[in-house]
Amino acid sequence: MIPIEFLRQFRFGEYAIFDFVVAFIGIYLLAPLFSKLFKKIRLDIPKKNWLFLTLPLGIFTHLLVGNITPMTRDFVDIGGHYILKIVIIILLFFGLKGIKVIKKK
């Protein structure tokens, strides 16, 4: 069996590519379930929007549970990493753009 440390050694800057791949595959597989669950509370979230929201939700979740990853640390750093912040805000914008409120019949 391949240890996870081996898989996480391949990096894009200081971020592990393995973490990105697992996050996006996980959201891709869970998006239909999430979309059905949110329809019950009258929100129509297309499956592609979940892919845009993967990184913003990941950062929010890591902040919520107190697990500070390198990306979370870089995002909340007020002194730099502006490209990361711009990318996350753009992803958040495109993720929220297609969400619609379902009106009662």
Protein backbone atom coordinates (compact mmCIF):
# COMPACT_ATOMS: atom_id res chain seq x y z
CA MET A 1 0.00 0.00 0.00
CA ILE A 2 1.22 3.49 -0.84
CA PRO A 3 1.57 5.70 2.23
CA ILE A 4 -0.32 8.96 2.15
CA GLU A 5 2.91 10.87 2.82
CA PHE A 6 4.20 9.70 -0.56
CA LEU A 7 1.07 10.93 -2.31
CA ARG A 8 1.19 14.27 -0.51
CA GLN A 9 4.81 14.97 -1.48
CA PHE A 10 3.77 16.19 -4.94
CA ARG A 11 3.01 19.86 -4.56
CA PHE A 12 1.85 22.96 -6.36
CA GLY A 13 3.73 25.63 -4.45
CA GLU A 14 3.19 24.64 -0.85
CA TYR A 15 -0.17 22.92 -1.44
CA ALA A 16 -0.43 19.14 -1.91
CA ILE A 17 -1.93 18.18 -5.26
CA PHE A 18 -3.37 15.03 -3.67
CA ASP A 19 -5.50 17.16 -1.34
CA PHE A 20 -6.95 19.12 -4.27
CA VAL A 21 -7.71 15.96 -6.25
CA VAL A 22 -9.41 14.24 -3.30
CA ALA A 23 -11.46 17.36 -2.47
CA PHE A 24 -12.70 17.86 -6.03
CA ILE A 25 -13.46 14.16 -6.58
CA GLY A 26 -15.31 14.04 -3.25
CA ILE A 27 -17.44 17.07 -4.11
CA TYR A 28 -18.05 15.74 -7.62
CA LEU A 29 -19.37 12.47 -6.18
CA LEU A 30 -21.40 14.12 -3.40
CA ALA A 31 -22.82 17.02 -5.46
CA PRO A 32 -26.00 15.16 -6.52
CA LEU A 33 -26.73 14.30 -2.88
CA PHE A 34 -26.00 17.84 -1.69
CA SER A 35 -28.21 19.31 -4.43
CA LYS A 36 -31.12 17.05 -3.43
CA LEU A 37 -30.67 17.93 0.25
CA PHE A 38 -30.67 21.67 -0.44
CA LYS A 39 -33.78 21.38 -2.61
CA LYS A 40 -35.60 20.32 0.55
CA ILE A 41 -34.82 23.73 2.04
CA ARG A 42 -35.84 25.39 -1.25
CA LEU A 43 -32.41 26.13 -2.67
CA ASP A 44 -31.54 25.00 -6.18
CA ILE A 45 -27.77 24.57 -6.33
CA PRO A 46 -26.54 23.14 -9.63
CA LYS A 47 -23.98 20.38 -9.43
CA LYS A 48 -21.30 22.44 -11.19
CA ASN A 49 -21.61 25.17 -8.54
CA TRP A 50 -20.47 22.68 -5.91
CA LEU A 51 -17.18 22.36 -7.80
CA PHE A 52 -16.68 26.12 -7.70
CA LEU A 53 -17.50 26.12 -3.98
CA THR A 54 -15.05 23.32 -3.10
CA LEU A 55 -12.12 25.49 -2.01
CA PRO A 56 -14.15 28.26 -0.32
CA LEU A 57 -16.14 25.66 1.64
CA GLY A 58 -12.93 23.84 2.51
CA ILE A 59 -11.34 26.98 3.92
CA PHE A 60 -14.51 27.84 5.86
CA THR A 61 -14.75 24.30 7.25
CA HIS A 62 -11.11 24.25 8.31
CA LEU A 63 -11.57 27.58 10.08
CA LEU A 64 -14.73 26.31 11.76
CA VAL A 65 -13.09 23.20 13.19
CA GLY A 66 -9.79 24.94 13.96
CA ASN A 67 -7.65 22.82 11.62
CA ILE A 68 -5.38 25.41 10.05
CA THR A 69 -3.96 24.07 6.79
CA PRO A 70 -1.39 25.97 4.70
CA MET A 71 -4.12 27.30 2.38
CA THR A 72 -6.31 28.36 5.30
CA ARG A 73 -3.34 30.07 6.94
CA ASP A 74 -2.47 31.86 3.70
CA PHE A 75 -6.07 32.95 3.13
CA VAL A 76 -6.45 34.57 6.56
CA ASP A 77 -2.98 36.16 6.42
CA ILE A 78 -3.69 39.88 6.07
CA GLY A 79 -0.17 40.68 4.89
CA GLY A 80 -0.02 38.81 1.62
CA HIS A 81 -1.14 35.91 -0.60
CA TYR A 82 -3.40 38.20 -2.58
CA ILE A 83 -3.55 35.92 -5.62
CA LEU A 84 -4.96 33.11 -3.45
CA LYS A 85 -7.51 35.48 -1.95
CA ILE A 86 -8.59 36.71 -5.37
CA VAL A 87 -8.93 33.13 -6.67
CA ILE A 88 -11.02 32.07 -3.65
CA ILE A 89 -13.29 35.13 -3.97
CA ILE A 90 -13.76 34.47 -7.71
CA LEU A 91 -14.60 30.82 -6.99
CA LEU A 92 -17.06 31.93 -4.32
CA PHE A 93 -18.67 34.38 -6.75
CA PHE A 94 -19.11 31.74 -9.48
CA GLY A 95 -20.29 29.20 -6.92
CA LEU A 96 -23.00 31.50 -5.58
CA LYS A 97 -23.95 32.88 -9.00
CA GLY A 98 -26.18 29.98 -10.11
CA ILE A 99 -27.98 29.37 -6.82
CA LYS A 100 -31.72 30.02 -6.98
CA VAL A 101 -34.41 30.13 -4.32
CA ILE A 102 -37.30 27.82 -5.17
CA LYS A 103 -40.62 29.59 -4.61
CA LYS A 104 -43.51 27.82 -2.95
CA LYS A 105 -46.26 26.61 -5.24
